[in-house]
Amino acid sequence: MRILILGGTMFLSRTLAKLAVKRGHRVTALARGTHPTPAGVALYTANRDDGEAAYQELLQDPTAHWDAAIDVSRVPTQVSAAIAALQDRVSHWTFVSTVSVYADHAVPGGDESKELLPEWVEGQDLLEHYGEAKVACETILRSALAGEVLIARPGLICGPGDPSDRYGYWPARFARDNEPVLVPDLPGALTQVIDSRDLASWLLDSLESGLTGIFDAVGPKVPFQTLLGAAVELTGHRGEIALAAPDWLLDQGVNYWAGPDSLPLWLPTDAQGMMQRDGAAARQAGLRLRPFDETLEAVLADERSRGLDRERRAGLSAGRETALIEALKR
């Protein structure tokens, strides 16, 4: 197959490109060109913020056609420009959305029938309104393609090369040293992440078969305590686990979920459903999930290769963690 990836050089889209080449497909990527291109991928350098003009070089050949296109954008204007430029040149469309499109994350077990957020509107910040922007992207594609599009709504994606630093924070932290580790006290809390390699494999299986529809692509539910216990065993960490109550952490200015000064994978009580989605439809459509400990091992190896002491986009710095643990013991 001839596959066009709008992206193809970072994390999920890079994983997709590499796997598609391995399967023998002819892969073209359109990206800014700021990251290395996987071997075997034909790169067209463009800035999608340029609208339809971004596709001029790609479409110089009037006979150019792709059996499938994959878009991972979160920017509605980029998606609308892509469909306008490429609709007549692509047979099957896949859009990678997110479970953040749902309006309510309080109740566990949600599926694709649940209510969505309102669509993003011009002038709203795209990062602050990430879910709304993805809703708008979905609407653009479903309208243009009369619903004949594969829309995957992943949960938190993790795996080697993850730039968000969320899932990798925990194995990296336990591997870094044997000093005490600050952990939110979350009895009963679950985690639900999907390995980028499992997601990429299923997306390629699906476009190869021509699958369309909307699917929550989510991973196995793993208790937070089980995940941390596996990380301790894998890394051989021998230090203390300093459990802190969520309210105390919030009082100290520690953030949920992601970003600086955070404890990743920790969610507010009214958002627990985000990591407890049903996911049955995607599994019935062929999504296969590896055991969580395989993902953990691969992520730890990747974290070691990137440097356990590097600056991170998510989590606590060593100094901040030490100060918090000292305050906790007072």
C-alpha atoms as a PDB file:
ATOM      1  CA  MET A   1       0.000   0.000   0.000  1.00  0.00           C
ATOM      2  CA  ARG A   2       0.956   3.621  -0.448  1.00  0.00           C
ATOM      3  CA  ILE A   3       0.525   5.326   2.913  1.00  0.00           C
ATOM      4  CA  LEU A   4       0.712   9.054   3.638  1.00  0.00           C
ATOM      5  CA  ILE A   5       1.445  10.059   7.226  1.00  0.00           C
ATOM      6  CA  LEU A   6       0.849  13.683   8.100  1.00  0.00           C
ATOM      7  CA  GLY A   7       3.687  13.753  10.592  1.00  0.00           C
ATOM      8  CA  GLY A   8       5.842  10.650  10.667  1.00  0.00           C
ATOM      9  CA  THR A   9       8.909  11.860  12.520  1.00  0.00           C
ATOM     10  CA  MET A  10       7.836  12.032  16.199  1.00  0.00           C
ATOM     11  CA  PHE A  11       6.678   9.415  18.696  1.00  0.00           C
ATOM     12  CA  LEU A  12       3.418   7.758  17.536  1.00  0.00           C
ATOM     13  CA  SER A  13       3.595   8.856  13.910  1.00  0.00           C
ATOM     14  CA  ARG A  14       7.267   7.857  13.796  1.00  0.00           C
ATOM     15  CA  THR A  15       6.378   4.442  15.247  1.00  0.00           C
ATOM     16  CA  LEU A  16       3.680   4.129  12.587  1.00  0.00           C
ATOM     17  CA  ALA A  17       6.077   5.058   9.793  1.00  0.00           C
ATOM     18  CA  LYS A  18       8.750   2.587  10.893  1.00  0.00           C
ATOM     19  CA  LEU A  19       6.265  -0.263  11.263  1.00  0.00           C
ATOM     20  CA  ALA A  20       4.613   0.482   7.923  1.00  0.00           C
ATOM     21  CA  VAL A  21       7.989   0.348   6.173  1.00  0.00           C
ATOM     22  CA  LYS A  22       8.772  -2.922   7.968  1.00  0.00           C
ATOM     23  CA  ARG A  23       5.512  -4.359   6.613  1.00  0.00           C
ATOM     24  CA  GLY A  24       6.562  -3.477   3.089  1.00  0.00           C
ATOM     25  CA  HIS A  25       4.377  -0.434   2.501  1.00  0.00           C
ATOM     26  CA  ARG A  26       5.519   2.642   0.552  1.00  0.00           C
ATOM     27  CA  VAL A  27       5.437   5.430   3.132  1.00  0.00           C
ATOM     28  CA  THR A  28       5.413   9.166   2.541  1.00  0.00           C
ATOM     29  CA  ALA A  29       5.563  11.630   5.427  1.00  0.00           C
ATOM     30  CA  LEU A  30       4.734  15.315   5.416  1.00  0.00           C
ATOM     31  CA  ALA A  31       6.325  17.129   8.350  1.00  0.00           C
ATOM     32  CA  ARG A  32       8.324  20.198   9.316  1.00  0.00           C
ATOM     33  CA  GLY A  33      11.560  18.232   9.014  1.00  0.00           C
ATOM     34  CA  THR A  34      12.854  19.191  12.463  1.00  0.00           C
ATOM     35  CA  HIS A  35      13.336  15.549  13.498  1.00  0.00           C
ATOM     36  CA  PRO A  36      15.128  12.673  11.756  1.00  0.00           C
ATOM     37  CA  THR A  37      13.123  10.751   9.172  1.00  0.00           C
ATOM     38  CA  PRO A  38      12.814   6.977   9.652  1.00  0.00           C
ATOM     39  CA  ALA A  39      14.723   4.873   7.131  1.00  0.00           C
ATOM     40  CA  GLY A  40      12.702   4.059   4.048  1.00  0.00           C
ATOM     41  CA  VAL A  41      10.288   6.986   4.423  1.00  0.00           C
ATOM     42  CA  ALA A  42       9.996   9.663   1.735  1.00  0.00           C
ATOM     43  CA  LEU A  43       9.797  13.036   3.492  1.00  0.00           C
ATOM     44  CA  TYR A  44       8.150  16.158   2.129  1.00  0.00           C
ATOM     45  CA  THR A  45       9.017  19.159   4.279  1.00  0.00           C
ATOM     46  CA  ALA A  46       6.155  21.561   4.915  1.00  0.00           C
ATOM     47  CA  ASN A  47       4.499  23.658   7.593  1.00  0.00           C
ATOM     48  CA  ARG A  48       0.857  22.669   7.906  1.00  0.00           C
ATOM     49  CA  ASP A  49       0.016  26.087   9.295  1.00  0.00           C
ATOM     50  CA  ASP A  50       0.409  27.269   5.677  1.00  0.00           C
ATOM     51  CA  GLY A  51      -2.945  25.705   4.852  1.00  0.00           C
ATOM     52  CA  GLU A  52      -3.461  24.058   1.463  1.00  0.00           C
ATOM     53  CA  ALA A  53      -0.193  25.562   0.263  1.00  0.00           C
ATOM     54  CA  ALA A  54       1.629  23.054   2.484  1.00  0.00           C
ATOM     55  CA  TYR A  55       0.676  20.301   0.033  1.00  0.00           C
ATOM     56  CA  GLN A  56       1.816  21.949  -3.216  1.00  0.00           C
ATOM     57  CA  GLU A  57       5.091  20.037  -3.558  1.00  0.00           C
ATOM     58  CA  LEU A  58       3.473  16.778  -2.486  1.00  0.00           C
ATOM     59  CA  LEU A  59       0.816  17.150  -5.187  1.00  0.00           C
ATOM     60  CA  GLN A  60       3.037  18.248  -8.072  1.00  0.00           C
ATOM     61  CA  ASP A  61       2.425  14.877  -9.678  1.00  0.00           C
ATOM     62  CA  PRO A  62      -1.234  15.064 -10.801  1.00  0.00           C
ATOM     63  CA  THR A  63      -1.504  11.260 -10.636  1.00  0.00           C
ATOM     64  CA  ALA A  64      -0.253  10.979  -7.035  1.00  0.00           C
ATOM     65  CA  HIS A  65      -2.607   8.880  -4.953  1.00  0.00           C
ATOM     66  CA  TRP A  66      -2.422   7.154  -1.570  1.00  0.00           C
ATOM     67  CA  ASP A  67      -4.304   4.101  -0.413  1.00  0.00           C
ATOM     68  CA  ALA A  68      -4.416   5.490   3.103  1.00  0.00           C
ATOM     69  CA  ALA A  69      -3.620   8.660   5.043  1.00  0.00           C
ATOM     70  CA  ILE A  70      -3.081   9.041   8.787  1.00  0.00           C
ATOM     71  CA  ASP A  71      -3.446  12.382  10.556  1.00  0.00           C
ATOM     72  CA  VAL A  72      -2.532  13.032  14.186  1.00  0.00           C
ATOM     73  CA  SER A  73      -3.044  16.808  14.270  1.00  0.00           C
ATOM     74  CA  ARG A  74      -4.800  18.644  17.071  1.00  0.00           C
ATOM     75  CA  VAL A  75      -5.272  21.806  14.982  1.00  0.00           C
ATOM     76  CA  PRO A  76      -8.665  22.029  13.218  1.00  0.00           C
ATOM     77  CA  THR A  77      -7.422  24.407  10.512  1.00  0.00           C
ATOM     78  CA  GLN A  78      -4.655  21.939   9.651  1.00  0.00           C
ATOM     79  CA  VAL A  79      -7.160  19.106   9.325  1.00  0.00           C
ATOM     80  CA  SER A  80      -9.547  21.128   7.180  1.00  0.00           C
ATOM     81  CA  ALA A  81      -6.690  22.157   4.856  1.00  0.00           C
ATOM     82  CA  ALA A  82      -5.516  18.547   4.577  1.00  0.00           C
ATOM     83  CA  ILE A  83      -8.927  17.222   3.622  1.00  0.00           C
ATOM     84  CA  ALA A  84      -9.422  20.043   1.131  1.00  0.00           C
ATOM     85  CA  ALA A  85      -6.084  19.366  -0.547  1.00  0.00           C
ATOM     86  CA  LEU A  86      -6.024  15.580  -0.385  1.00  0.00           C
ATOM     87  CA  GLN A  87      -9.581  14.248  -0.289  1.00  0.00           C
ATOM     88  CA  ASP A  88      -9.544  13.199  -3.958  1.00  0.00           C
ATOM     89  CA  ARG A  89      -6.068  11.633  -3.616  1.00  0.00           C
ATOM     90  CA  VAL A  90      -6.662   9.362  -0.610  1.00  0.00           C
ATOM     91  CA  SER A  91      -8.804   6.211  -0.425  1.00  0.00           C
ATOM     92  CA  HIS A  92      -8.914   5.680   3.351  1.00  0.00           C
ATOM     93  CA  TRP A  93      -8.488   8.173   6.187  1.00  0.00           C
ATOM     94  CA  THR A  94      -7.401   7.517   9.751  1.00  0.00           C
ATOM     95  CA  PHE A  95      -7.506  10.205  12.412  1.00  0.00           C
ATOM     96  CA  VAL A  96      -5.835   9.792  15.794  1.00  0.00           C
ATOM     97  CA  SER A  97      -7.980  11.669  18.288  1.00  0.00           C
ATOM     98  CA  THR A  98      -8.032  11.259  22.096  1.00  0.00           C
ATOM     99  CA  VAL A  99     -10.260  10.205  25.003  1.00  0.00           C
ATOM    100  CA  SER A 100      -9.969  13.857  26.061  1.00  0.00           C
ATOM    101  CA  VAL A 101     -12.870  14.570  23.676  1.00  0.00           C
ATOM    102  CA  TYR A 102     -15.347  13.282  26.275  1.00  0.00           C
ATOM    103  CA  ALA A 103     -17.227  15.747  28.430  1.00  0.00           C
ATOM    104  CA  ASP A 104     -17.310  13.664  31.623  1.00  0.00           C
ATOM    105  CA  HIS A 105     -14.489  11.585  33.089  1.00  0.00           C
ATOM    106  CA  ALA A 106     -15.994  11.029  36.515  1.00  0.00           C
ATOM    107  CA  VAL A 107     -17.626   7.667  35.824  1.00  0.00           C
ATOM    108  CA  PRO A 108     -15.501   4.586  35.026  1.00  0.00           C
ATOM    109  CA  GLY A 109     -16.373   2.287  32.127  1.00  0.00           C
ATOM    110  CA  GLY A 110     -17.240   4.913  29.534  1.00  0.00           C
ATOM    111  CA  ASP A 111     -17.439   3.980  25.857  1.00  0.00           C
ATOM    112  CA  GLU A 112     -17.719   5.690  22.473  1.00  0.00           C
ATOM    113  CA  SER A 113     -21.374   6.597  23.027  1.00  0.00           C
ATOM    114  CA  LYS A 114     -20.622   9.116  25.772  1.00  0.00           C
ATOM    115  CA  GLU A 115     -21.193  12.839  25.338  1.00  0.00           C
ATOM    116  CA  LEU A 116     -18.427  14.906  23.760  1.00  0.00           C
ATOM    117  CA  LEU A 117     -17.125  18.331  24.640  1.00  0.00           C
ATOM    118  CA  PRO A 118     -18.329  21.264  22.541  1.00  0.00           C
ATOM    119  CA  GLU A 119     -16.209  21.930  19.481  1.00  0.00           C
ATOM    120  CA  TRP A 120     -13.239  24.281  19.622  1.00  0.00           C
ATOM    121  CA  VAL A 121     -13.966  27.755  18.300  1.00  0.00           C
ATOM    122  CA  GLU A 122     -11.586  30.259  16.775  1.00  0.00           C
ATOM    123  CA  GLY A 123      -9.722  32.218  19.417  1.00  0.00           C
ATOM    124  CA  GLN A 124      -9.575  29.468  22.042  1.00  0.00           C
ATOM    125  CA  ASP A 125      -6.122  28.352  23.120  1.00  0.00           C
ATOM    126  CA  LEU A 126      -5.370  25.023  21.462  1.00  0.00           C
ATOM    127  CA  LEU A 127      -3.445  23.602  24.413  1.00  0.00           C
ATOM    128  CA  GLU A 128      -5.976  24.651  27.030  1.00  0.00           C
ATOM    129  CA  HIS A 129      -8.828  23.365  24.844  1.00  0.00           C
ATOM    130  CA  TYR A 130      -7.106  20.265  23.532  1.00  0.00           C
ATOM    131  CA  GLY A 131     -10.187  18.048  23.797  1.00  0.00           C
ATOM    132  CA  GLU A 132     -12.438  20.596  22.130  1.00  0.00           C
ATOM    133  CA  ALA A 133      -9.924  20.990  19.297  1.00  0.00           C
ATOM    134  CA  LYS A 134      -9.847  17.245  18.686  1.00  0.00           C
ATOM    135  CA  VAL A 135     -13.674  17.213  18.624  1.00  0.00           C
ATOM    136  CA  ALA A 136     -13.566  19.874  15.916  1.00  0.00           C
ATOM    137  CA  CYS A 137     -11.013  17.848  13.942  1.00  0.00           C
ATOM    138  CA  GLU A 138     -13.218  14.771  14.138  1.00  0.00           C
ATOM    139  CA  THR A 139     -16.245  16.750  12.962  1.00  0.00           C
ATOM    140  CA  ILE A 140     -14.373  18.160   9.964  1.00  0.00           C
ATOM    141  CA  LEU A 141     -13.329  14.715   8.779  1.00  0.00           C
ATOM    142  CA  ARG A 142     -16.630  12.975   9.447  1.00  0.00           C
ATOM    143  CA  SER A 143     -18.502  15.704   7.578  1.00  0.00           C
ATOM    144  CA  ALA A 144     -16.154  15.748   4.582  1.00  0.00           C
ATOM    145  CA  LEU A 145     -16.009  11.954   4.325  1.00  0.00           C
ATOM    146  CA  ALA A 146     -19.653  11.201   5.169  1.00  0.00           C
ATOM    147  CA  GLY A 147     -18.490   9.322   8.255  1.00  0.00           C
ATOM    148  CA  GLU A 148     -16.242   6.961   6.278  1.00  0.00           C
ATOM    149  CA  VAL A 149     -13.156   7.518   8.413  1.00  0.00           C
ATOM    150  CA  LEU A 150     -11.377   5.575  11.137  1.00  0.00           C
ATOM    151  CA  ILE A 151     -11.258   7.668  14.301  1.00  0.00           C
ATOM    152  CA  ALA A 152      -9.102   6.254  17.086  1.00  0.00           C
ATOM    153  CA  ARG A 153      -9.446   7.828  20.508  1.00  0.00           C
ATOM    154  CA  PRO A 154      -6.413   6.676  22.496  1.00  0.00           C
ATOM    155  CA  GLY A 155      -5.937   7.066  26.179  1.00  0.00           C
ATOM    156  CA  LEU A 156      -2.519   8.086  27.447  1.00  0.00           C
ATOM    157  CA  ILE A 157       0.044   6.815  24.936  1.00  0.00           C
ATOM    158  CA  CYS A 158       3.379   5.653  26.286  1.00  0.00           C
ATOM    159  CA  GLY A 159       6.383   3.752  25.017  1.00  0.00           C
ATOM    160  CA  PRO A 160       9.944   4.304  23.851  1.00  0.00           C
ATOM    161  CA  GLY A 161      10.495   7.856  22.659  1.00  0.00           C
ATOM    162  CA  ASP A 162       7.541   9.349  24.553  1.00  0.00           C
ATOM    163  CA  PRO A 163       8.223  13.106  24.707  1.00  0.00           C
ATOM    164  CA  SER A 164       5.647  13.795  27.429  1.00  0.00           C
ATOM    165  CA  ASP A 165       7.766  12.149  30.201  1.00  0.00           C
ATOM    166  CA  ARG A 166       4.663  11.054  32.088  1.00  0.00           C
ATOM    167  CA  TYR A 167       4.635   7.252  32.236  1.00  0.00           C
ATOM    168  CA  GLY A 168       8.422   7.109  32.091  1.00  0.00           C
ATOM    169  CA  TYR A 169       8.784   9.259  35.206  1.00  0.00           C
ATOM    170  CA  TRP A 170       8.135   6.348  37.554  1.00  0.00           C
ATOM    171  CA  PRO A 171      10.558   3.701  36.242  1.00  0.00           C
ATOM    172  CA  ALA A 172      13.174   6.407  35.705  1.00  0.00           C
ATOM    173  CA  ARG A 173      12.729   7.718  39.231  1.00  0.00           C
ATOM    174  CA  PHE A 174      13.097   4.309  40.861  1.00  0.00           C
ATOM    175  CA  ALA A 175      16.132   3.560  38.682  1.00  0.00           C
ATOM    176  CA  ARG A 176      17.867   6.873  39.374  1.00  0.00           C
ATOM    177  CA  ASP A 177      18.999   6.210  42.945  1.00  0.00           C
ATOM    178  CA  ASN A 178      18.022   4.535  46.215  1.00  0.00           C
ATOM    179  CA  GLU A 179      16.882   7.722  47.917  1.00  0.00           C
ATOM    180  CA  PRO A 180      13.271   7.936  49.176  1.00  0.00           C
ATOM    181  CA  VAL A 181      10.626   8.310  46.456  1.00  0.00           C
ATOM    182  CA  LEU A 182       7.584  10.522  46.979  1.00  0.00           C
ATOM    183  CA  VAL A 183       4.397   8.745  45.913  1.00  0.00           C
ATOM    184  CA  PRO A 184       0.771   9.864  46.132  1.00  0.00           C
ATOM    185  CA  ASP A 185      -1.249   7.604  48.416  1.00  0.00           C
ATOM    186  CA  LEU A 186      -3.894   6.341  45.976  1.00  0.00           C
ATOM    187  CA  PRO A 187      -5.386   3.070  47.221  1.00  0.00           C
ATOM    188  CA  GLY A 188      -7.645   1.602  44.550  1.00  0.00           C
ATOM    189  CA  ALA A 189      -6.539   3.998  41.809  1.00  0.00           C
ATOM    190  CA  LEU A 190      -6.056   2.496  38.338  1.00  0.00           C
ATOM    191  CA  THR A 191      -3.802   3.401  35.458  1.00  0.00           C
ATOM    192  CA  GLN A 192      -4.632   2.803  31.805  1.00  0.00           C
ATOM    193  CA  VAL A 193      -2.026   3.520  29.168  1.00  0.00           C
ATOM    194  CA  ILE A 194      -1.550   2.154  25.657  1.00  0.00           C
ATOM    195  CA  ASP A 195       1.835   1.206  24.277  1.00  0.00           C
ATOM    196  CA  SER A 196       2.559   3.210  21.129  1.00  0.00           C
ATOM    197  CA  ARG A 197       3.679   0.025  19.387  1.00  0.00           C
ATOM    198  CA  ASP A 198       0.351  -1.716  20.075  1.00  0.00           C
ATOM    199  CA  LEU A 199      -1.574   1.324  18.893  1.00  0.00           C
ATOM    200  CA  ALA A 200       0.523   1.658  15.733  1.00  0.00           C
ATOM    201  CA  SER A 201       0.115  -2.037  14.916  1.00  0.00           C
ATOM    202  CA  TRP A 202      -3.656  -1.875  15.274  1.00  0.00           C
ATOM    203  CA  LEU A 203      -3.936   1.324  13.239  1.00  0.00           C
ATOM    204  CA  LEU A 204      -2.012  -0.292  10.398  1.00  0.00           C
ATOM    205  CA  ASP A 205      -4.061  -3.498  10.641  1.00  0.00           C
ATOM    206  CA  SER A 206      -7.194  -1.370  10.462  1.00  0.00           C
ATOM    207  CA  LEU A 207      -6.235   0.722   7.454  1.00  0.00           C
ATOM    208  CA  GLU A 208      -5.028  -2.412   5.658  1.00  0.00           C
ATOM    209  CA  SER A 209      -8.508  -3.906   6.112  1.00  0.00           C
ATOM    210  CA  GLY A 210     -10.338  -0.641   5.402  1.00  0.00           C
ATOM    211  CA  LEU A 211     -11.902  -0.392   8.863  1.00  0.00           C
ATOM    212  CA  THR A 212     -13.951   2.726   9.604  1.00  0.00           C
ATOM    213  CA  GLY A 213     -15.756   3.876  12.720  1.00  0.00           C
ATOM    214  CA  ILE A 214     -14.948   5.368  16.110  1.00  0.00           C
ATOM    215  CA  PHE A 215     -12.993   3.411  18.702  1.00  0.00           C
ATOM    216  CA  ASP A 216     -11.538   4.122  22.126  1.00  0.00           C
ATOM    217  CA  ALA A 217      -8.020   2.690  21.820  1.00  0.00           C
ATOM    218  CA  VAL A 218      -7.058   2.157  25.431  1.00  0.00           C
ATOM    219  CA  GLY A 219      -4.703  -0.135  27.287  1.00  0.00           C
ATOM    220  CA  PRO A 220      -5.152  -2.584  30.162  1.00  0.00           C
ATOM    221  CA  LYS A 221      -6.301  -1.329  33.545  1.00  0.00           C
ATOM    222  CA  VAL A 222      -3.434  -1.701  36.017  1.00  0.00           C
ATOM    223  CA  PRO A 223      -3.633  -0.600  39.669  1.00  0.00           C
ATOM    224  CA  PHE A 224      -1.324   2.316  40.365  1.00  0.00           C
ATOM    225  CA  GLN A 225       0.221   0.417  43.264  1.00  0.00           C
ATOM    226  CA  THR A 226       0.851  -2.618  41.019  1.00  0.00           C
ATOM    227  CA  LEU A 227       2.583  -0.438  38.446  1.00  0.00           C
ATOM    228  CA  LEU A 228       4.850   1.123  41.073  1.00  0.00           C
ATOM    229  CA  GLY A 229       5.556  -2.249  42.643  1.00  0.00           C
ATOM    230  CA  ALA A 230       6.612  -3.621  39.275  1.00  0.00           C
ATOM    231  CA  ALA A 231       8.849  -0.591  38.721  1.00  0.00           C
ATOM    232  CA  VAL A 232      10.511  -1.136  42.110  1.00  0.00           C
ATOM    233  CA  GLU A 233      11.137  -4.798  41.334  1.00  0.00           C
ATOM    234  CA  LEU A 234      12.389  -4.073  37.813  1.00  0.00           C
ATOM    235  CA  THR A 235      14.828  -1.382  38.916  1.00  0.00           C
ATOM    236  CA  GLY A 236      15.933  -3.009  42.173  1.00  0.00           C
ATOM    237  CA  HIS A 237      15.174   0.163  44.099  1.00  0.00           C
ATOM    238  CA  ARG A 238      15.944  -0.295  47.802  1.00  0.00           C
ATOM    239  CA  GLY A 239      14.909   3.067  49.183  1.00  0.00           C
ATOM    240  CA  GLU A 240      11.910   4.204  51.180  1.00  0.00           C
ATOM    241  CA  ILE A 241       8.512   4.877  49.598  1.00  0.00           C
ATOM    242  CA  ALA A 242       7.226   8.120  51.098  1.00  0.00           C
ATOM    243  CA  LEU A 243       3.432   8.017  50.781  1.00  0.00           C
ATOM    244  CA  ALA A 244       1.712  11.394  50.835  1.00  0.00           C
ATOM    245  CA  ALA A 245      -1.983  12.180  51.010  1.00  0.00           C
ATOM    246  CA  PRO A 246      -3.352  13.856  47.869  1.00  0.00           C
ATOM    247  CA  ASP A 247      -4.670  16.867  49.815  1.00  0.00           C
ATOM    248  CA  TRP A 248      -1.249  17.398  51.397  1.00  0.00           C
ATOM    249  CA  LEU A 249       0.431  17.273  47.993  1.00  0.00           C
ATOM    250  CA  LEU A 250      -1.996  19.829  46.604  1.00  0.00           C
ATOM    251  CA  ASP A 251      -1.335  22.099  49.574  1.00  0.00           C
ATOM    252  CA  GLN A 252       2.376  21.882  48.746  1.00  0.00           C
ATOM    253  CA  GLY A 253       1.746  22.953  45.164  1.00  0.00           C
ATOM    254  CA  VAL A 254       2.279  19.554  43.549  1.00  0.00           C
ATOM    255  CA  ASN A 255       0.260  19.137  40.362  1.00  0.00           C
ATOM    256  CA  TYR A 256      -1.832  16.317  38.989  1.00  0.00           C
ATOM    257  CA  TRP A 257      -1.075  14.256  35.904  1.00  0.00           C
ATOM    258  CA  ALA A 258       1.644  16.059  33.933  1.00  0.00           C
ATOM    259  CA  GLY A 259       3.923  19.021  33.553  1.00  0.00           C
ATOM    260  CA  PRO A 260       6.525  20.537  35.863  1.00  0.00           C
ATOM    261  CA  ASP A 261       6.176  19.949  39.603  1.00  0.00           C
ATOM    262  CA  SER A 262       3.762  17.085  39.080  1.00  0.00           C
ATOM    263  CA  LEU A 263       3.372  13.459  40.050  1.00  0.00           C
ATOM    264  CA  PRO A 264       2.417  11.820  36.745  1.00  0.00           C
ATOM    265  CA  LEU A 265      -0.604   9.521  36.364  1.00  0.00           C
ATOM    266  CA  TRP A 266      -2.219  11.006  39.499  1.00  0.00           C
ATOM    267  CA  LEU A 267      -5.718  12.225  38.634  1.00  0.00           C
ATOM    268  CA  PRO A 268      -8.361  14.165  40.564  1.00  0.00           C
ATOM    269  CA  THR A 269     -11.192  12.055  41.956  1.00  0.00           C
ATOM    270  CA  ASP A 270     -13.625  13.522  39.403  1.00  0.00           C
ATOM    271  CA  ALA A 271     -11.408  12.380  36.511  1.00  0.00           C
ATOM    272  CA  GLN A 272     -10.797   8.740  37.452  1.00  0.00           C
ATOM    273  CA  GLY A 273     -12.863   7.566  34.495  1.00  0.00           C
ATOM    274  CA  MET A 274     -10.241   8.865  32.073  1.00  0.00           C
ATOM    275  CA  MET A 275      -8.016   5.912  33.010  1.00  0.00           C
ATOM    276  CA  GLN A 276     -10.848   3.399  33.301  1.00  0.00           C
ATOM    277  CA  ARG A 277     -12.507   3.386  29.885  1.00  0.00           C
ATOM    278  CA  ASP A 278     -14.164   0.282  28.512  1.00  0.00           C
ATOM    279  CA  GLY A 279     -12.250  -0.193  25.231  1.00  0.00           C
ATOM    280  CA  ALA A 280     -14.161  -3.339  24.220  1.00  0.00           C
ATOM    281  CA  ALA A 281     -15.014  -2.130  20.706  1.00  0.00           C
ATOM    282  CA  ALA A 282     -11.370  -1.670  19.708  1.00  0.00           C
ATOM    283  CA  ARG A 283     -10.411  -5.048  21.161  1.00  0.00           C
ATOM    284  CA  GLN A 284     -13.229  -6.670  19.207  1.00  0.00           C
ATOM    285  CA  ALA A 285     -11.872  -4.876  16.132  1.00  0.00           C
ATOM    286  CA  GLY A 286      -8.471  -6.498  16.603  1.00  0.00           C
ATOM    287  CA  LEU A 287      -6.554  -4.315  19.060  1.00  0.00           C
ATOM    288  CA  ARG A 288      -4.038  -6.531  20.829  1.00  0.00           C
ATOM    289  CA  LEU A 289      -2.377  -5.368  24.034  1.00  0.00           C
ATOM    290  CA  ARG A 290       0.913  -6.620  25.391  1.00  0.00           C
ATOM    291  CA  PRO A 291       1.348  -7.245  29.131  1.00  0.00           C
ATOM    292  CA  PHE A 292       2.003  -3.991  30.980  1.00  0.00           C
ATOM    293  CA  ASP A 293       5.348  -5.217  32.310  1.00  0.00           C
ATOM    294  CA  GLU A 294       6.694  -5.513  28.749  1.00  0.00           C
ATOM    295  CA  THR A 295       5.873  -1.860  28.214  1.00  0.00           C
ATOM    296  CA  LEU A 296       7.468  -0.954  31.543  1.00  0.00           C
ATOM    297  CA  GLU A 297      10.692  -2.762  30.622  1.00  0.00           C
ATOM    298  CA  ALA A 298      10.891  -1.056  27.222  1.00  0.00           C
ATOM    299  CA  VAL A 299      10.212   2.365  28.719  1.00  0.00           C
ATOM    300  CA  LEU A 300      12.896   1.877  31.379  1.00  0.00           C
ATOM    301  CA  ALA A 301      15.441   0.915  28.729  1.00  0.00           C
ATOM    302  CA  ASP A 302      14.497   4.032  26.777  1.00  0.00           C
ATOM    303  CA  GLU A 303      14.744   6.216  29.884  1.00  0.00           C
ATOM    304  CA  ARG A 304      18.231   4.857  30.613  1.00  0.00           C
ATOM    305  CA  SER A 305      19.343   5.587  27.061  1.00  0.00           C
ATOM    306  CA  ARG A 306      18.028   9.168  27.272  1.00  0.00           C
ATOM    307  CA  GLY A 307      19.521   9.787  30.718  1.00  0.00           C
ATOM    308  CA  LEU A 308      17.920   9.291  34.115  1.00  0.00           C
ATOM    309  CA  ASP A 309      19.136  12.704  35.323  1.00  0.00           C
ATOM    310  CA  ARG A 310      17.922  14.686  32.311  1.00  0.00           C
ATOM    311  CA  GLU A 311      15.492  17.559  32.640  1.00  0.00           C
ATOM    312  CA  ARG A 312      11.947  16.301  32.277  1.00  0.00           C
ATOM    313  CA  ARG A 313       8.713  17.771  31.023  1.00  0.00           C
ATOM    314  CA  ALA A 314       6.779  16.001  33.791  1.00  0.00           C
ATOM    315  CA  GLY A 315       7.512  15.041  37.365  1.00  0.00           C
ATOM    316  CA  LEU A 316       9.472  16.418  40.291  1.00  0.00           C
ATOM    317  CA  SER A 317      13.084  17.501  40.196  1.00  0.00           C
ATOM    318  CA  ALA A 318      15.394  15.736  42.654  1.00  0.00           C
ATOM    319  CA  GLY A 319      15.702  18.839  44.804  1.00  0.00           C
ATOM    320  CA  ARG A 320      11.975  19.485  44.904  1.00  0.00           C
ATOM    321  CA  GLU A 321      11.244  15.867  45.816  1.00  0.00           C
ATOM    322  CA  THR A 322      13.790  15.905  48.655  1.00  0.00           C
ATOM    323  CA  ALA A 323      12.333  19.113  50.077  1.00  0.00           C
ATOM    324  CA  LEU A 324       8.813  17.692  49.947  1.00  0.00           C
ATOM    325  CA  ILE A 325       9.836  14.491  51.709  1.00  0.00           C
ATOM    326  CA  GLU A 326      11.556  16.498  54.438  1.00  0.00           C
ATOM    327  CA  ALA A 327       8.394  18.571  54.875  1.00  0.00           C
ATOM    328  CA  LEU A 328       6.283  15.413  54.962  1.00  0.00           C
ATOM    329  CA  LYS A 329       8.329  14.016  57.862  1.00  0.00           C
ATOM    330  CA  ARG A 330       8.037  17.101  60.046  1.00  0.00           C
END
